[in-house]
Amino acid sequence: MTHVQRSVQRAGERFRGGDPDAGIETWHAFSFSGFYDPDNVRFGPLAACNEERLAPGAGFAEHPHRDVELVTWVVEGELTHEDSTGHVEVVRPGDVQRLSAGAGVRHSERNEGAEPLRFVQMWLTPSEYGGEPSYEVVRGVADGTPYALAGGEAVLHVRRLGAAERSAVPDAPWVYVHVIRGAVRLDGDLLEEGDAARVLDSARLTVEAVGPAELLMWEMHAEPHFG
């Protein structure tokens, strides 16, 4: 068994935010908004991993961002995105959405469908600040497909595993593993739906699915450059 430095955050340990009366439930993995924890500000360039649940008709009104990369994975339902650069898109399960805020952008996120919406949104601090905002949606991401940001300094791996199937964990200084569905074993730790692991120096580490499972793994090679 490979022994590496890691920590596990259980789904129930996340800070619960949002506005349940407005149909918004949020679970934060990192210090965020009104919840400030100086010891849990980021992991490598990853500064947020929010699990969002929006009831039909609920959503986040237009609001600003700057100097952040927003990467969104829809688990169930449909997410309607609209931003100040003119993009209006519906993001569905299996799609990866990226919004690079650059020097500034405004956007809204809504559930305009008839079914509940569940998505995971991850915020990364870019290697360079400023610039023009940009946006893209990659439709129908296949199992094992890597999605790179910042010239490969951060790479998102999507894995869908069958029972007892194993997958290598990316070899990187910082790796973040988030279980979307099912359960996996990571170097002796059982991770279930909503659980996450933060791994330092992950060489030769693997995950094994207990049953059918879906997970996201961030491979990160550089910390953000401040200033």
C-alpha atoms as a PDB file:
ATOM      1  CA  MET A   1       0.000   0.000   0.000  1.00  0.00           C
ATOM      2  CA  THR A   2       1.310   3.456  -0.907  1.00  0.00           C
ATOM      3  CA  HIS A   3       1.427   5.880   2.034  1.00  0.00           C
ATOM      4  CA  VAL A   4       1.014   9.519   1.102  1.00  0.00           C
ATOM      5  CA  GLN A   5      -0.055  12.653   2.915  1.00  0.00           C
ATOM      6  CA  ARG A   6      -3.805  13.109   2.570  1.00  0.00           C
ATOM      7  CA  SER A   7      -6.899  14.286   4.404  1.00  0.00           C
ATOM      8  CA  VAL A   8     -10.531  13.273   3.954  1.00  0.00           C
ATOM      9  CA  GLN A   9     -13.511  15.591   4.247  1.00  0.00           C
ATOM     10  CA  ARG A  10     -16.842  13.831   4.682  1.00  0.00           C
ATOM     11  CA  ALA A  11     -19.953  15.156   2.984  1.00  0.00           C
ATOM     12  CA  GLY A  12     -21.517  15.913   6.369  1.00  0.00           C
ATOM     13  CA  GLU A  13     -18.505  17.986   7.416  1.00  0.00           C
ATOM     14  CA  ARG A  14     -19.067  20.594   4.738  1.00  0.00           C
ATOM     15  CA  PHE A  15     -20.427  23.978   5.767  1.00  0.00           C
ATOM     16  CA  ARG A  16     -24.073  24.302   4.779  1.00  0.00           C
ATOM     17  CA  GLY A  17     -25.069  27.583   3.157  1.00  0.00           C
ATOM     18  CA  GLY A  18     -27.454  28.769   0.497  1.00  0.00           C
ATOM     19  CA  ASP A  19     -31.040  29.909   1.012  1.00  0.00           C
ATOM     20  CA  PRO A  20     -33.377  26.933   1.565  1.00  0.00           C
ATOM     21  CA  ASP A  21     -36.452  29.194   1.581  1.00  0.00           C
ATOM     22  CA  ALA A  22     -35.530  30.246  -1.966  1.00  0.00           C
ATOM     23  CA  GLY A  23     -34.902  26.647  -3.065  1.00  0.00           C
ATOM     24  CA  ILE A  24     -31.092  26.896  -2.849  1.00  0.00           C
ATOM     25  CA  GLU A  25     -28.991  24.450  -0.816  1.00  0.00           C
ATOM     26  CA  THR A  26     -25.197  24.662  -0.845  1.00  0.00           C
ATOM     27  CA  TRP A  27     -22.447  22.630   0.808  1.00  0.00           C
ATOM     28  CA  HIS A  28     -19.008  24.306   0.882  1.00  0.00           C
ATOM     29  CA  ALA A  29     -15.750  22.342   1.058  1.00  0.00           C
ATOM     30  CA  PHE A  30     -13.625  25.479   1.608  1.00  0.00           C
ATOM     31  CA  SER A  31     -13.866  28.816   3.383  1.00  0.00           C
ATOM     32  CA  PHE A  32     -16.517  30.699   1.408  1.00  0.00           C
ATOM     33  CA  SER A  33     -18.628  33.853   1.629  1.00  0.00           C
ATOM     34  CA  GLY A  34     -20.014  34.187   5.184  1.00  0.00           C
ATOM     35  CA  PHE A  35     -18.150  31.067   6.326  1.00  0.00           C
ATOM     36  CA  TYR A  36     -14.509  31.993   6.942  1.00  0.00           C
ATOM     37  CA  ASP A  37     -11.925  29.469   8.066  1.00  0.00           C
ATOM     38  CA  PRO A  38      -8.337  30.752   7.705  1.00  0.00           C
ATOM     39  CA  ASP A  39      -7.026  27.171   7.789  1.00  0.00           C
ATOM     40  CA  ASN A  40      -9.243  26.079   4.894  1.00  0.00           C
ATOM     41  CA  VAL A  41      -8.861  28.759   2.241  1.00  0.00           C
ATOM     42  CA  ARG A  42      -7.571  26.659  -0.650  1.00  0.00           C
ATOM     43  CA  PHE A  43      -5.736  23.516  -1.719  1.00  0.00           C
ATOM     44  CA  GLY A  44      -3.175  24.303  -4.387  1.00  0.00           C
ATOM     45  CA  PRO A  45      -5.044  26.547  -6.844  1.00  0.00           C
ATOM     46  CA  LEU A  46      -8.441  25.090  -5.852  1.00  0.00           C
ATOM     47  CA  ALA A  47     -10.312  27.683  -3.776  1.00  0.00           C
ATOM     48  CA  ALA A  48     -13.877  26.320  -3.761  1.00  0.00           C
ATOM     49  CA  CYS A  49     -15.820  23.130  -4.356  1.00  0.00           C
ATOM     50  CA  ASN A  50     -19.505  23.843  -3.858  1.00  0.00           C
ATOM     51  CA  GLU A  51     -22.263  21.242  -4.128  1.00  0.00           C
ATOM     52  CA  GLU A  52     -25.380  23.102  -5.233  1.00  0.00           C
ATOM     53  CA  ARG A  53     -28.990  21.973  -5.289  1.00  0.00           C
ATOM     54  CA  LEU A  54     -31.569  24.243  -6.930  1.00  0.00           C
ATOM     55  CA  ALA A  55     -35.291  23.617  -6.903  1.00  0.00           C
ATOM     56  CA  PRO A  56     -37.204  24.265 -10.150  1.00  0.00           C
ATOM     57  CA  GLY A  57     -37.346  28.017 -10.689  1.00  0.00           C
ATOM     58  CA  ALA A  58     -34.553  28.755  -8.202  1.00  0.00           C
ATOM     59  CA  GLY A  59     -31.196  30.254  -9.031  1.00  0.00           C
ATOM     60  CA  PHE A  60     -28.487  32.817  -8.505  1.00  0.00           C
ATOM     61  CA  ALA A  61     -29.248  36.290  -9.889  1.00  0.00           C
ATOM     62  CA  GLU A  62     -26.631  38.064 -11.977  1.00  0.00           C
ATOM     63  CA  HIS A  63     -23.463  38.673  -9.971  1.00  0.00           C
ATOM     64  CA  PRO A  64     -19.818  39.576 -10.716  1.00  0.00           C
ATOM     65  CA  HIS A  65     -16.572  37.573 -10.737  1.00  0.00           C
ATOM     66  CA  ARG A  66     -12.979  38.438 -11.556  1.00  0.00           C
ATOM     67  CA  ASP A  67      -9.645  36.602 -11.583  1.00  0.00           C
ATOM     68  CA  VAL A  68     -11.142  33.143 -11.098  1.00  0.00           C
ATOM     69  CA  GLU A  69     -11.794  30.031 -13.191  1.00  0.00           C
ATOM     70  CA  LEU A  70     -15.254  28.523 -12.573  1.00  0.00           C
ATOM     71  CA  VAL A  71     -15.618  24.890 -13.632  1.00  0.00           C
ATOM     72  CA  THR A  72     -19.054  23.282 -13.308  1.00  0.00           C
ATOM     73  CA  TRP A  73     -20.141  19.632 -13.493  1.00  0.00           C
ATOM     74  CA  VAL A  74     -23.896  18.976 -13.648  1.00  0.00           C
ATOM     75  CA  VAL A  75     -24.978  15.821 -11.823  1.00  0.00           C
ATOM     76  CA  GLU A  76     -28.765  15.945 -12.305  1.00  0.00           C
ATOM     77  CA  GLY A  77     -31.134  18.330 -14.078  1.00  0.00           C
ATOM     78  CA  GLU A  78     -30.282  21.279 -16.319  1.00  0.00           C
ATOM     79  CA  LEU A  79     -28.345  24.448 -15.523  1.00  0.00           C
ATOM     80  CA  THR A  80     -29.096  27.622 -17.484  1.00  0.00           C
ATOM     81  CA  HIS A  81     -26.089  29.945 -17.686  1.00  0.00           C
ATOM     82  CA  GLU A  82     -26.175  33.537 -18.950  1.00  0.00           C
ATOM     83  CA  ASP A  83     -23.293  36.005 -18.825  1.00  0.00           C
ATOM     84  CA  SER A  84     -22.415  39.583 -19.716  1.00  0.00           C
ATOM     85  CA  THR A  85     -20.411  38.519 -22.785  1.00  0.00           C
ATOM     86  CA  GLY A  86     -23.598  37.234 -24.433  1.00  0.00           C
ATOM     87  CA  HIS A  87     -23.414  33.504 -23.732  1.00  0.00           C
ATOM     88  CA  VAL A  88     -26.692  31.740 -22.934  1.00  0.00           C
ATOM     89  CA  GLU A  89     -26.314  27.971 -22.545  1.00  0.00           C
ATOM     90  CA  VAL A  90     -28.088  25.003 -20.964  1.00  0.00           C
ATOM     91  CA  VAL A  91     -25.591  22.651 -19.293  1.00  0.00           C
ATOM     92  CA  ARG A  92     -26.617  19.024 -18.754  1.00  0.00           C
ATOM     93  CA  PRO A  93     -25.178  15.948 -17.004  1.00  0.00           C
ATOM     94  CA  GLY A  94     -21.908  14.920 -18.604  1.00  0.00           C
ATOM     95  CA  ASP A  95     -21.040  18.453 -19.735  1.00  0.00           C
ATOM     96  CA  VAL A  96     -18.123  20.479 -18.379  1.00  0.00           C
ATOM     97  CA  GLN A  97     -18.676  24.237 -18.259  1.00  0.00           C
ATOM     98  CA  ARG A  98     -15.811  26.714 -17.820  1.00  0.00           C
ATOM     99  CA  LEU A  99     -16.088  30.441 -17.202  1.00  0.00           C
ATOM    100  CA  SER A 100     -12.777  32.323 -17.010  1.00  0.00           C
ATOM    101  CA  ALA A 101     -13.685  35.627 -15.380  1.00  0.00           C
ATOM    102  CA  GLY A 102     -10.542  37.509 -16.405  1.00  0.00           C
ATOM    103  CA  ALA A 103     -10.653  41.186 -15.428  1.00  0.00           C
ATOM    104  CA  GLY A 104     -14.393  40.954 -14.823  1.00  0.00           C
ATOM    105  CA  VAL A 105     -17.611  39.260 -15.928  1.00  0.00           C
ATOM    106  CA  ARG A 106     -21.183  38.973 -14.670  1.00  0.00           C
ATOM    107  CA  HIS A 107     -23.323  35.858 -14.893  1.00  0.00           C
ATOM    108  CA  SER A 108     -26.467  34.198 -13.597  1.00  0.00           C
ATOM    109  CA  GLU A 109     -27.222  30.513 -12.938  1.00  0.00           C
ATOM    110  CA  ARG A 110     -30.773  29.196 -12.831  1.00  0.00           C
ATOM    111  CA  ASN A 111     -32.820  26.024 -12.839  1.00  0.00           C
ATOM    112  CA  GLU A 112     -35.372  26.694 -15.553  1.00  0.00           C
ATOM    113  CA  GLY A 113     -36.301  23.020 -15.833  1.00  0.00           C
ATOM    114  CA  ALA A 114     -39.093  21.056 -14.209  1.00  0.00           C
ATOM    115  CA  GLU A 115     -36.776  18.787 -12.200  1.00  0.00           C
ATOM    116  CA  PRO A 116     -34.400  19.497  -9.296  1.00  0.00           C
ATOM    117  CA  LEU A 117     -30.902  20.574 -10.324  1.00  0.00           C
ATOM    118  CA  ARG A 118     -27.716  19.333  -8.673  1.00  0.00           C
ATOM    119  CA  PHE A 119     -24.255  20.459  -9.729  1.00  0.00           C
ATOM    120  CA  VAL A 120     -20.715  20.794  -8.420  1.00  0.00           C
ATOM    121  CA  GLN A 121     -18.913  24.054  -9.039  1.00  0.00           C
ATOM    122  CA  MET A 122     -15.172  24.370  -8.502  1.00  0.00           C
ATOM    123  CA  TRP A 123     -13.239  27.647  -8.362  1.00  0.00           C
ATOM    124  CA  LEU A 124      -9.555  27.828  -9.245  1.00  0.00           C
ATOM    125  CA  THR A 125      -7.217  30.779  -8.899  1.00  0.00           C
ATOM    126  CA  PRO A 126      -5.599  31.409 -12.301  1.00  0.00           C
ATOM    127  CA  SER A 127      -1.859  31.627 -12.822  1.00  0.00           C
ATOM    128  CA  GLU A 128      -2.269  35.116 -14.297  1.00  0.00           C
ATOM    129  CA  TYR A 129      -4.735  37.856 -13.416  1.00  0.00           C
ATOM    130  CA  GLY A 130      -6.701  40.118 -15.742  1.00  0.00           C
ATOM    131  CA  GLY A 131      -7.390  39.616 -19.420  1.00  0.00           C
ATOM    132  CA  GLU A 132     -10.628  39.128 -21.323  1.00  0.00           C
ATOM    133  CA  PRO A 133     -13.257  36.731 -19.931  1.00  0.00           C
ATOM    134  CA  SER A 134     -13.880  33.511 -21.857  1.00  0.00           C
ATOM    135  CA  TYR A 135     -16.450  30.739 -21.784  1.00  0.00           C
ATOM    136  CA  GLU A 136     -16.910  27.222 -23.145  1.00  0.00           C
ATOM    137  CA  VAL A 137     -18.985  24.071 -22.678  1.00  0.00           C
ATOM    138  CA  VAL A 138     -17.585  20.636 -23.514  1.00  0.00           C
ATOM    139  CA  ARG A 139     -20.534  18.366 -24.236  1.00  0.00           C
ATOM    140  CA  GLY A 140     -20.753  14.706 -23.240  1.00  0.00           C
ATOM    141  CA  VAL A 141     -17.363  14.255 -21.618  1.00  0.00           C
ATOM    142  CA  ALA A 142     -16.297  10.621 -21.924  1.00  0.00           C
ATOM    143  CA  ASP A 143     -14.896   8.540 -19.078  1.00  0.00           C
ATOM    144  CA  GLY A 144     -11.246   9.233 -18.476  1.00  0.00           C
ATOM    145  CA  THR A 145     -11.197  12.415 -20.534  1.00  0.00           C
ATOM    146  CA  PRO A 146      -8.813  15.043 -19.104  1.00  0.00           C
ATOM    147  CA  TYR A 147      -9.849  18.705 -19.205  1.00  0.00           C
ATOM    148  CA  ALA A 148      -6.906  21.110 -18.840  1.00  0.00           C
ATOM    149  CA  LEU A 149      -6.803  24.669 -17.537  1.00  0.00           C
ATOM    150  CA  ALA A 150      -3.981  27.217 -17.398  1.00  0.00           C
ATOM    151  CA  GLY A 151      -1.753  25.417 -19.857  1.00  0.00           C
ATOM    152  CA  GLY A 152      -1.992  22.117 -18.013  1.00  0.00           C
ATOM    153  CA  GLU A 153      -1.227  23.465 -14.522  1.00  0.00           C
ATOM    154  CA  ALA A 154      -4.672  22.158 -13.471  1.00  0.00           C
ATOM    155  CA  VAL A 155      -6.342  19.177 -15.157  1.00  0.00           C
ATOM    156  CA  LEU A 156      -9.783  17.749 -14.369  1.00  0.00           C
ATOM    157  CA  HIS A 157     -10.194  13.980 -14.816  1.00  0.00           C
ATOM    158  CA  VAL A 158     -13.688  12.476 -15.059  1.00  0.00           C
ATOM    159  CA  ARG A 159     -13.909   8.811 -14.062  1.00  0.00           C
ATOM    160  CA  ARG A 160     -16.887   6.452 -14.181  1.00  0.00           C
ATOM    161  CA  LEU A 161     -15.979   3.071 -12.710  1.00  0.00           C
ATOM    162  CA  GLY A 162     -17.726  -0.277 -12.513  1.00  0.00           C
ATOM    163  CA  ALA A 163     -17.728  -2.414  -9.367  1.00  0.00           C
ATOM    164  CA  ALA A 164     -14.171  -3.392  -8.333  1.00  0.00           C
ATOM    165  CA  GLU A 165     -12.698  -1.393 -11.239  1.00  0.00           C
ATOM    166  CA  ARG A 166      -9.523   0.482 -10.417  1.00  0.00           C
ATOM    167  CA  SER A 167      -8.133   3.756 -11.682  1.00  0.00           C
ATOM    168  CA  ALA A 168      -4.785   5.438 -11.224  1.00  0.00           C
ATOM    169  CA  VAL A 169      -4.800   8.719  -9.356  1.00  0.00           C
ATOM    170  CA  PRO A 170      -2.947  11.440 -11.293  1.00  0.00           C
ATOM    171  CA  ASP A 171       0.649  11.923 -10.217  1.00  0.00           C
ATOM    172  CA  ALA A 172       0.822  15.548  -9.068  1.00  0.00           C
ATOM    173  CA  PRO A 173       1.858  17.734  -6.109  1.00  0.00           C
ATOM    174  CA  TRP A 174      -1.832  18.384  -5.321  1.00  0.00           C
ATOM    175  CA  VAL A 175      -4.732  16.043  -6.156  1.00  0.00           C
ATOM    176  CA  TYR A 176      -8.339  16.600  -5.141  1.00  0.00           C
ATOM    177  CA  VAL A 177     -10.711  13.609  -5.407  1.00  0.00           C
ATOM    178  CA  HIS A 178     -14.473  14.241  -5.166  1.00  0.00           C
ATOM    179  CA  VAL A 179     -16.997  11.384  -5.252  1.00  0.00           C
ATOM    180  CA  ILE A 180     -20.088  12.291  -7.268  1.00  0.00           C
ATOM    181  CA  ARG A 181     -21.883   8.935  -7.052  1.00  0.00           C
ATOM    182  CA  GLY A 182     -21.244   5.591  -5.400  1.00  0.00           C
ATOM    183  CA  ALA A 183     -18.199   4.812  -3.252  1.00  0.00           C
ATOM    184  CA  VAL A 184     -14.498   4.165  -3.794  1.00  0.00           C
ATOM    185  CA  ARG A 185     -11.520   3.070  -1.722  1.00  0.00           C
ATOM    186  CA  LEU A 186      -8.521   5.368  -1.787  1.00  0.00           C
ATOM    187  CA  ASP A 187      -5.409   3.912  -0.172  1.00  0.00           C
ATOM    188  CA  GLY A 188      -7.493   2.315   2.599  1.00  0.00           C
ATOM    189  CA  ASP A 189     -10.030   5.135   3.025  1.00  0.00           C
ATOM    190  CA  LEU A 190     -13.644   4.531   2.009  1.00  0.00           C
ATOM    191  CA  LEU A 191     -15.020   7.605   0.227  1.00  0.00           C
ATOM    192  CA  GLU A 192     -18.769   7.783  -0.318  1.00  0.00           C
ATOM    193  CA  GLU A 193     -21.003  10.177  -2.237  1.00  0.00           C
ATOM    194  CA  GLY A 194     -20.062  13.778  -1.449  1.00  0.00           C
ATOM    195  CA  ASP A 195     -16.811  12.848   0.297  1.00  0.00           C
ATOM    196  CA  ALA A 196     -13.522  14.329  -0.894  1.00  0.00           C
ATOM    197  CA  ALA A 197      -9.828  13.672  -0.354  1.00  0.00           C
ATOM    198  CA  ARG A 198      -6.923  16.110  -0.587  1.00  0.00           C
ATOM    199  CA  VAL A 199      -3.715  14.328  -1.508  1.00  0.00           C
ATOM    200  CA  LEU A 200      -0.151  15.639  -1.553  1.00  0.00           C
ATOM    201  CA  ASP A 201       2.393  13.934  -3.830  1.00  0.00           C
ATOM    202  CA  SER A 202       0.126  11.150  -5.110  1.00  0.00           C
ATOM    203  CA  ALA A 203       2.598   8.954  -7.002  1.00  0.00           C
ATOM    204  CA  ARG A 204       1.413   5.376  -7.635  1.00  0.00           C
ATOM    205  CA  LEU A 205      -1.895   5.868  -5.817  1.00  0.00           C
ATOM    206  CA  THR A 206      -5.109   4.189  -7.060  1.00  0.00           C
ATOM    207  CA  VAL A 207      -8.832   4.256  -6.354  1.00  0.00           C
ATOM    208  CA  GLU A 208     -11.060   1.166  -6.476  1.00  0.00           C
ATOM    209  CA  ALA A 209     -14.825   1.362  -6.903  1.00  0.00           C
ATOM    210  CA  VAL A 210     -16.939  -0.497  -4.328  1.00  0.00           C
ATOM    211  CA  GLY A 211     -19.847  -0.482  -6.787  1.00  0.00           C
ATOM    212  CA  PRO A 212     -20.603   1.691  -9.819  1.00  0.00           C
ATOM    213  CA  ALA A 213     -19.062   5.090  -9.086  1.00  0.00           C
ATOM    214  CA  GLU A 214     -18.455   8.485 -10.644  1.00  0.00           C
ATOM    215  CA  LEU A 215     -15.720  10.818  -9.435  1.00  0.00           C
ATOM    216  CA  LEU A 216     -13.857  13.967 -10.351  1.00  0.00           C
ATOM    217  CA  MET A 217     -10.114  14.254  -9.788  1.00  0.00           C
ATOM    218  CA  TRP A 218      -8.166  17.494 -10.016  1.00  0.00           C
ATOM    219  CA  GLU A 219      -4.502  17.141 -10.939  1.00  0.00           C
ATOM    220  CA  MET A 220      -2.720  20.381  -9.954  1.00  0.00           C
ATOM    221  CA  HIS A 221       0.910  21.266 -10.598  1.00  0.00           C
ATOM    222  CA  ALA A 222       1.259  24.897  -9.528  1.00  0.00           C
ATOM    223  CA  GLU A 223       0.010  27.157  -6.788  1.00  0.00           C
ATOM    224  CA  PRO A 224      -1.515  30.509  -7.772  1.00  0.00           C
ATOM    225  CA  HIS A 225       0.810  33.447  -8.322  1.00  0.00           C
ATOM    226  CA  PHE A 226      -0.373  36.295  -6.111  1.00  0.00           C
ATOM    227  CA  GLY A 227       0.489  39.893  -6.717  1.00  0.00           C
END
